[in-house]
Protein backbone atom coordinates (compact mmCIF):
# COMPACT_ATOMS: atom_id res chain seq x y z
CA MET A 1 -9.84 101.90 36.75
CA ASN A 2 -9.68 97.85 37.78
CA LYS A 3 -6.33 97.86 36.90
CA SER A 4 -5.22 100.75 38.92
CA LYS A 5 -6.85 99.45 42.07
CA ASN A 6 -5.09 96.20 41.47
CA LEU A 7 -1.75 97.96 41.00
CA LEU A 8 -2.42 100.18 44.08
CA LEU A 9 -3.24 96.69 46.10
CA ILE A 10 0.25 94.96 44.58
CA LEU A 11 2.40 97.86 45.36
CA CYS A 12 0.84 98.23 48.88
CA LEU A 13 1.48 94.37 49.66
CA LEU A 14 4.95 94.61 47.70
CA LEU A 15 5.70 97.60 50.33
CA GLU A 16 3.98 95.81 53.47
CA SER A 17 6.29 92.65 52.48
CA LEU A 18 9.61 94.43 52.15
CA ASN A 19 8.47 96.05 56.04
CA LEU A 20 8.41 92.61 57.25
CA MET A 21 11.60 91.73 55.97
CA ALA A 22 13.19 95.19 57.57
CA GLN A 23 11.65 94.06 60.90
CA ASN A 24 13.24 90.57 60.71
CA LYS A 25 16.51 92.04 60.00
CA ILE A 26 19.71 91.76 62.29
CA LEU A 27 22.06 94.11 62.18
CA THR A 28 25.71 92.52 63.27
CA GLY A 29 28.92 94.55 63.81
CA LYS A 30 31.71 95.55 66.23
CA ILE A 31 32.80 98.64 67.95
CA ILE A 32 36.75 99.14 68.28
CA ALA A 33 38.90 101.82 69.57
CA THR A 34 40.79 104.10 66.73
CA LYS A 35 43.21 104.45 69.34
CA ASP A 36 44.73 100.84 68.79
CA ASN A 37 41.93 99.33 67.28
CA THR A 38 40.98 97.08 70.70
CA PRO A 39 37.58 96.12 70.89
CA VAL A 40 35.33 98.17 73.08
CA SER A 41 33.64 96.25 75.58
CA GLY A 42 30.13 97.07 77.17
CA ALA A 43 29.71 99.90 74.68
CA THR A 44 26.00 100.90 74.14
CA VAL A 45 24.47 100.52 70.47
CA SER A 46 21.06 102.00 70.22
CA VAL A 47 18.64 103.02 67.24
CA LYS A 48 18.26 106.58 66.87
CA GLY A 49 14.41 107.64 67.96
CA THR A 50 13.44 103.98 69.17
CA SER A 51 14.10 102.30 72.67
CA ASN A 52 15.77 99.73 70.96
CA SER A 53 19.55 98.95 72.55
CA VAL A 54 22.04 96.25 72.89
CA ALA A 55 25.44 96.44 75.02
CA ALA A 56 28.35 94.98 73.01
CA SER A 57 30.28 91.98 74.05
CA SER A 58 33.41 91.53 75.75
CA ASP A 59 34.73 91.27 72.17
CA GLY A 60 33.31 94.47 70.83
CA THR A 61 30.45 92.77 68.99
CA PHE A 62 26.94 93.67 68.69
CA SER A 63 23.58 92.34 67.05
CA ILE A 64 20.44 94.64 67.04
CA PRO A 65 17.22 94.25 64.94
CA VAL A 66 15.92 97.08 63.06
CA SER A 67 12.80 98.30 61.56
CA SER A 68 14.03 100.12 58.34
CA PHE A 69 16.00 99.78 55.73
CA ARG A 70 17.98 102.95 56.87
CA VAL A 71 18.75 103.61 60.36
CA THR A 72 21.20 105.62 62.64
CA LEU A 73 23.12 103.91 65.24
CA VAL A 74 23.81 105.84 68.70
CA ILE A 75 27.09 104.56 70.24
CA SER A 76 28.33 105.79 73.65
CA SER A 77 30.62 104.02 76.26
CA VAL A 78 32.64 105.52 78.92
CA GLY A 79 35.70 107.26 78.30
CA TYR A 80 34.89 107.67 74.64
CA THR A 81 33.12 110.21 72.60
CA LYS A 82 29.27 109.50 71.78
CA LYS A 83 28.88 108.77 67.89
CA GLU A 84 26.39 108.74 65.66
CA PHE A 85 26.69 106.10 62.54
CA VAL A 86 24.39 105.81 59.60
CA VAL A 87 24.10 102.15 58.14
CA ASP A 88 21.51 100.57 55.52
CA ALA A 89 19.85 97.47 56.95
CA ASN A 90 21.36 95.51 54.15
CA GLN A 91 24.89 95.78 55.38
CA ASN A 92 26.32 93.43 58.16
CA ASN A 93 29.37 93.10 59.83
CA ILE A 94 30.08 96.86 59.74
CA THR A 95 32.69 97.97 62.11
CA ILE A 96 32.20 101.18 63.89
CA PRO A 97 35.36 103.37 65.49
CA LEU A 98 35.06 105.21 68.41
CA GLU A 99 37.53 108.38 69.47
CA THR A 100 38.87 108.27 73.05
CA ASN A 101 37.91 111.08 75.30
CA GLU A 102 40.43 111.83 77.63
CA ALA A 103 38.89 114.54 79.73
CA LEU A 104 35.80 111.71 80.36
CA MET A 105 38.02 108.98 81.21
CA GLY A 106 39.52 110.93 84.40
CA GLU A 107 36.21 111.64 85.78
CA VAL A 108 34.54 108.46 86.63
CA VAL A 109 35.85 105.99 89.20
CA VAL A 110 34.16 102.36 89.56
CA VAL A 111 33.45 102.06 93.41
CA GLY A 112 31.77 98.82 94.82
CA TYR A 113 28.68 98.33 92.57
CA GLY A 114 28.57 101.87 91.30
CA SER A 115 30.28 104.92 90.07
CA GLN A 116 30.94 108.69 91.25
CA LYS A 117 33.02 111.59 90.11
CA LYS A 118 36.32 111.47 90.67
CA SER A 119 36.35 115.14 91.98
CA ASP A 120 34.31 113.52 94.80
CA LEU A 121 36.27 110.95 96.04
CA THR A 122 39.59 112.51 96.39
CA GLY A 123 39.87 112.07 100.07
CA SER A 124 39.53 108.24 99.69
CA ILE A 125 41.26 106.92 96.68
CA THR A 126 44.76 107.70 95.82
CA SER A 127 45.76 107.21 92.44
CA LEU A 128 49.66 106.97 90.91
CA LYS A 129 50.90 106.26 87.36
CA GLY A 130 53.34 103.76 86.88
CA ASP A 131 55.90 106.68 85.46
CA ASP A 132 55.76 107.98 89.09
CA LEU A 133 57.24 105.29 90.63
CA THR A 134 60.01 105.17 88.49
CA GLN A 135 60.75 108.55 89.47
CA ILE A 136 63.31 107.39 92.28
CA ALA A 137 66.14 104.97 92.21
CA THR A 138 64.42 101.72 93.75
CA GLN A 139 63.49 98.03 93.15
CA ARG A 140 60.88 97.82 95.50
CA VAL A 141 57.19 98.62 95.01
CA ASP A 142 56.41 99.43 98.56
CA GLN A 143 59.55 101.76 99.01
CA ALA A 144 58.81 103.57 95.83
CA LEU A 145 55.34 104.06 97.44
CA GLN A 146 56.75 106.47 100.36
CA GLY A 147 55.83 110.00 100.69
CA ARG A 148 53.50 109.42 97.52
CA ALA A 149 50.35 108.76 98.84
CA ALA A 150 48.53 111.28 101.13
CA GLY A 151 47.26 109.03 104.37
CA VAL A 152 49.26 106.06 103.41
CA PHE A 153 52.23 105.03 105.79
CA VAL A 154 55.10 102.89 104.68
CA LEU A 155 57.29 101.81 107.40
CA ASN A 156 60.49 100.41 107.15
CA THR A 157 60.71 97.37 109.84
CA ASP A 158 64.49 96.12 108.72
CA GLY A 159 67.53 98.49 108.59
CA ALA A 160 69.32 95.88 105.89
CA PRO A 161 69.45 97.57 102.17
CA GLY A 162 66.25 96.45 100.78
CA GLY A 163 64.85 95.54 103.70
CA ASN A 164 60.68 94.99 104.42
CA THR A 165 58.09 97.15 104.72
CA THR A 166 54.46 97.72 106.19
CA ILE A 167 51.87 99.70 104.50
CA ARG A 168 49.68 101.19 106.61
CA VAL A 169 46.35 102.91 105.04
CA ARG A 170 43.95 103.22 108.31
CA GLY A 171 46.76 103.50 110.79
CA MET A 172 46.41 100.63 113.50
CA ASN A 173 42.86 99.69 113.60
CA SER A 174 43.02 96.02 115.40
CA ILE A 175 44.80 94.79 118.51
CA ASN A 176 44.64 91.30 117.70
CA GLY A 177 44.01 91.09 113.93
CA GLY A 178 46.39 91.89 111.32
CA ASN A 179 46.73 95.84 110.31
CA ASN A 180 48.16 95.16 106.63
CA ALA A 181 46.44 96.89 103.76
CA LEU A 182 44.84 94.19 101.44
CA ILE A 183 47.13 93.90 98.07
CA VAL A 184 45.69 93.12 94.99
CA ILE A 185 47.51 92.48 91.78
CA ASP A 186 45.16 92.34 88.47
CA GLY A 187 42.46 91.32 90.26
CA LEU A 188 44.34 88.71 92.34
CA GLN A 189 44.07 88.84 96.00
CA GLY A 190 46.65 88.40 98.42
CA GLY A 191 49.72 89.12 96.00
CA ASN A 192 53.30 89.80 97.13
CA LEU A 193 54.88 93.49 96.61
CA ASN A 194 58.13 92.01 96.52
CA SER A 195 57.66 90.03 93.48
CA LEU A 196 56.88 93.27 91.17
CA ASN A 197 59.00 95.45 89.34
CA PRO A 198 58.19 99.22 89.49
CA ASN A 199 58.49 99.11 85.82
CA ASP A 200 56.09 96.73 85.23
CA ILE A 201 53.31 98.44 86.89
CA GLU A 202 50.82 100.68 85.01
CA SER A 203 48.93 102.39 87.74
CA ILE A 204 48.28 101.91 91.44
CA GLU A 205 44.56 102.80 93.34
CA ILE A 206 44.62 103.04 97.04
CA LEU A 207 41.02 102.57 98.34
CA LYS A 208 40.76 104.01 101.57
CA ASP A 209 37.04 104.49 102.32
CA ALA A 210 33.93 102.04 102.86
CA SER A 211 33.98 101.38 99.17
CA ALA A 212 37.04 99.10 99.69
CA THR A 213 34.85 96.63 102.41
CA ALA A 214 31.73 96.83 99.92
CA ILE A 215 34.26 95.03 97.30
CA TYR A 216 36.33 92.74 99.40
CA GLY A 217 34.43 92.54 102.80
CA ALA A 218 36.37 91.90 105.96
CA GLN A 219 39.65 91.73 103.91
CA GLY A 220 39.50 95.39 102.65
CA ALA A 221 39.00 97.08 106.28
CA ASN A 222 42.21 98.15 106.13
CA GLY A 223 42.26 99.42 103.07
CA VAL A 224 42.99 97.80 99.36
CA VAL A 225 46.18 98.30 97.00
CA LEU A 226 45.13 97.71 93.49
CA ILE A 227 48.13 97.10 90.99
CA THR A 228 47.71 97.01 87.35
CA THR A 229 50.51 95.84 85.58
CA LYS A 230 51.49 96.61 82.12
CA LEU A 231 50.09 94.81 79.00
CA GLY A 232 51.90 94.68 75.40
CA LYS A 233 50.59 96.69 72.60
CA LYS A 234 49.76 95.56 68.95
CA GLY A 235 52.59 95.51 66.93
CA LYS A 236 55.83 94.27 66.28
CA PRO A 237 57.91 93.06 69.45
CA VAL A 238 59.62 95.48 71.31
CA ILE A 239 62.41 94.80 73.08
CA GLY A 240 63.15 97.00 76.03
CA TYR A 241 66.66 97.00 78.48
CA ASN A 242 67.48 99.17 81.47
CA TYR A 243 70.13 99.20 83.92
CA THR A 244 70.54 100.90 87.26
CA TYR A 245 73.80 101.54 89.20
CA GLY A 246 73.32 103.29 92.71
CA SER A 247 74.35 102.41 96.05
CA SER A 248 72.65 102.39 99.90
CA LYS A 249 74.85 104.10 102.93
CA LEU A 250 73.73 105.72 105.88
CA ARG A 251 72.58 108.96 105.66
CA LYS A 252 73.18 110.52 108.82
CA LYS A 253 74.85 108.52 112.25
CA LEU A 254 73.82 109.28 115.67
CA ASP A 255 75.29 111.83 117.60
CA VAL A 256 76.96 109.87 120.44
CA MET A 257 79.48 110.65 123.21
CA ASN A 258 83.39 109.78 122.34
CA ALA A 259 84.93 106.87 123.76
CA ALA A 260 86.69 109.03 126.78
CA ASP A 261 83.31 110.64 127.69
CA TYR A 262 81.46 107.61 127.64
CA ALA A 263 84.22 105.73 130.10
CA ARG A 264 83.95 108.70 132.27
CA THR A 265 80.15 108.43 132.04
CA ILE A 266 80.43 104.60 133.14
CA ASN A 267 82.99 105.30 136.06
CA ALA A 268 80.95 107.75 137.47
CA ASN A 269 78.13 105.42 137.42
CA GLN A 270 80.00 102.24 139.06
CA LEU A 271 80.56 105.02 142.06
CA THR A 272 77.14 104.97 142.76
CA LYS A 273 76.89 101.44 143.24
CA ASN A 274 77.86 101.43 147.46
CA GLY A 275 75.37 99.23 148.36
CA SER A 276 78.05 96.63 149.80
CA GLY A 277 79.71 98.91 151.82
CA ALA A 278 82.91 98.73 149.72
CA THR A 279 84.52 101.40 147.70
CA PRO A 280 83.59 100.74 144.28
CA THR A 281 86.33 100.18 141.76
CA PRO A 282 86.16 102.07 138.65
CA ILE A 283 85.93 100.13 135.40
CA PHE A 284 87.99 102.20 132.98
CA THR A 285 91.19 103.42 134.31
CA ASP A 286 93.15 106.98 134.07
CA ALA A 287 95.57 105.62 131.73
CA GLU A 288 92.55 104.16 129.17
CA ILE A 289 90.68 107.02 129.47
CA ALA A 290 93.94 109.09 128.36
CA GLN A 291 94.63 106.94 125.80
CA TYR A 292 90.71 107.70 124.44
CA GLU A 293 91.47 110.78 124.11
CA LYS A 294 94.31 110.71 122.22
CA THR A 295 92.88 108.19 119.74
CA GLY A 296 89.48 108.69 119.73
CA GLY A 297 88.39 105.27 120.36
CA THR A 298 86.77 102.90 118.12
CA ASP A 299 83.73 104.70 116.24
CA TRP A 300 80.90 101.52 115.89
CA GLN A 301 79.02 103.22 113.54
CA ASP A 302 81.54 103.53 110.95
CA VAL A 303 82.75 99.69 111.59
CA ILE A 304 78.88 98.54 111.31
CA TYR A 305 77.71 100.97 108.65
CA ARG A 306 78.97 100.51 104.67
CA THR A 307 78.30 101.89 101.09
CA ALA A 308 76.31 98.92 99.25
CA PRO A 309 76.65 99.47 95.68
CA LEU A 310 73.66 98.25 93.45
CA HIS A 311 73.47 96.72 89.94
CA ASN A 312 70.03 96.17 88.44
CA HIS A 313 69.74 94.84 84.95
CA GLU A 314 65.62 94.59 83.37
CA LEU A 315 65.11 93.16 80.02
CA SER A 316 61.34 92.83 78.55
CA ILE A 317 59.92 91.86 75.65
CA SER A 318 56.40 93.04 74.70
CA GLY A 319 53.73 93.04 71.37
CA GLY A 320 50.74 91.55 70.24
CA THR A 321 47.87 90.96 67.64
CA ASP A 322 44.26 91.78 67.77
CA ASN A 323 43.82 88.27 69.69
CA LEU A 324 46.37 88.66 72.08
CA LYS A 325 48.72 91.18 73.85
CA TYR A 326 51.88 89.87 75.78
CA LEU A 327 54.68 91.43 78.14
CA VAL A 328 57.41 89.49 79.62
CA SER A 329 60.23 90.61 81.59
CA GLY A 330 63.00 89.62 83.90
CA GLY A 331 65.59 91.56 86.00
CA TYR A 332 69.05 90.76 87.75
CA LEU A 333 69.65 92.89 91.06
CA ASN A 334 72.67 92.63 92.59
CA GLN A 335 73.08 94.58 96.07
CA LYS A 336 76.61 93.88 97.92
CA VAL A 337 75.99 93.45 101.48
CA PHE A 338 79.02 93.66 103.83
CA SER A 339 80.24 92.20 107.07
CA ALA A 340 81.95 94.41 109.71
CA ARG A 341 85.09 95.52 109.25
CA LYS A 342 88.10 93.55 111.34
CA ARG A 343 89.40 95.70 113.93
C-alpha cells in the first residue's frame, strides 16, 4: 500500500515538473508568404484557447511562450488567409506559410492612423496600377495621369513637347499659397515626377479627403499623390528592354482668317482712326491684297508647328534573394525639337 502511494506521489511530481518545463518553453518561428517566400511582418500569432498572442517582427519571426506540449497556433494577417498550425512545444524555429487572399487585399485601405473599407472611400482615394500608365505612349507620369483619375486635373503649362504640367487635386484652394498636390515617392515627400519613368511605377494612390491632412499636415491640404515604385523579385537577374517610337504634332490648327481677309480687316480698322482730321492711309494696298488672294499668304501655324519624332530606350535589371531585392533601370529619350522653317 505504501509502495503504491509512493509511486503515485512520484508520478504526480514528475507530471508537475513536466508542466513547469512546458510553461517555461518559448516557441520560436517565422511567418512567410507562400507566393514568394517573403516574410510577413506584423502577423498576429496566438495560442488557440488562450489569450496569449504576439506580433511577428519586420522579418516575420516571432517568439511566444506555451504552457503545454502540443498547441495550436492561430496566425492571421491582413491580405492573408487565417491559418491554424499544430506544433509540439519541443519544436523550434518552425516556418509557417500563409496563403495570399487577393479578395481581402482589396478591401482594406490604411488612412491616417486607422483603416477603412475601400468601398467607403471610393470618392476620396483613387488607385491606379502601373500597367494603366503604360497603355499610352508617354514618357511623363503627370501626362499619363490625364483623364485617368476622377477629380484630378492635369493642366499643360508649356506647349513644347514634353512640357511641364500642373496637378490639381482640390482645385484652387489658396490665393497666396501653393495649390500643387504633395508628391510622395516611396515614402519620401517632395518628389519630382519628371525623374520617374512610368514603367518603374507599381501603383499610384491619390488622397483627396481629410485623411491626407491627418498624415501629412498642412502640406497635404491640396491632396497627396502617393507613388510606389517597383521592386525586384526573388530569383535570378532578369534583364528587360523596351523601345518606343512615336511623334508629337499639332492635333488641330486654329481656324483663322486668310491673308486677304486679314489685310482688309486691318485696313477697315485703320479707316476708323480719323481723330487728327486727315484721311487715314490704308496699311495694305489693293495690289497686295490681290496678291494675297492669289497665293494665299503665309500660314504661320504651318511655319511654327512641326512634327517632332521621338525615340525612347529603356533598360532594367531586377532580381533578389531572401534578404535583398533590387531593380536598376535607365533610359534614353530623344525628342527632336525643330526650329521654325525659313521662308
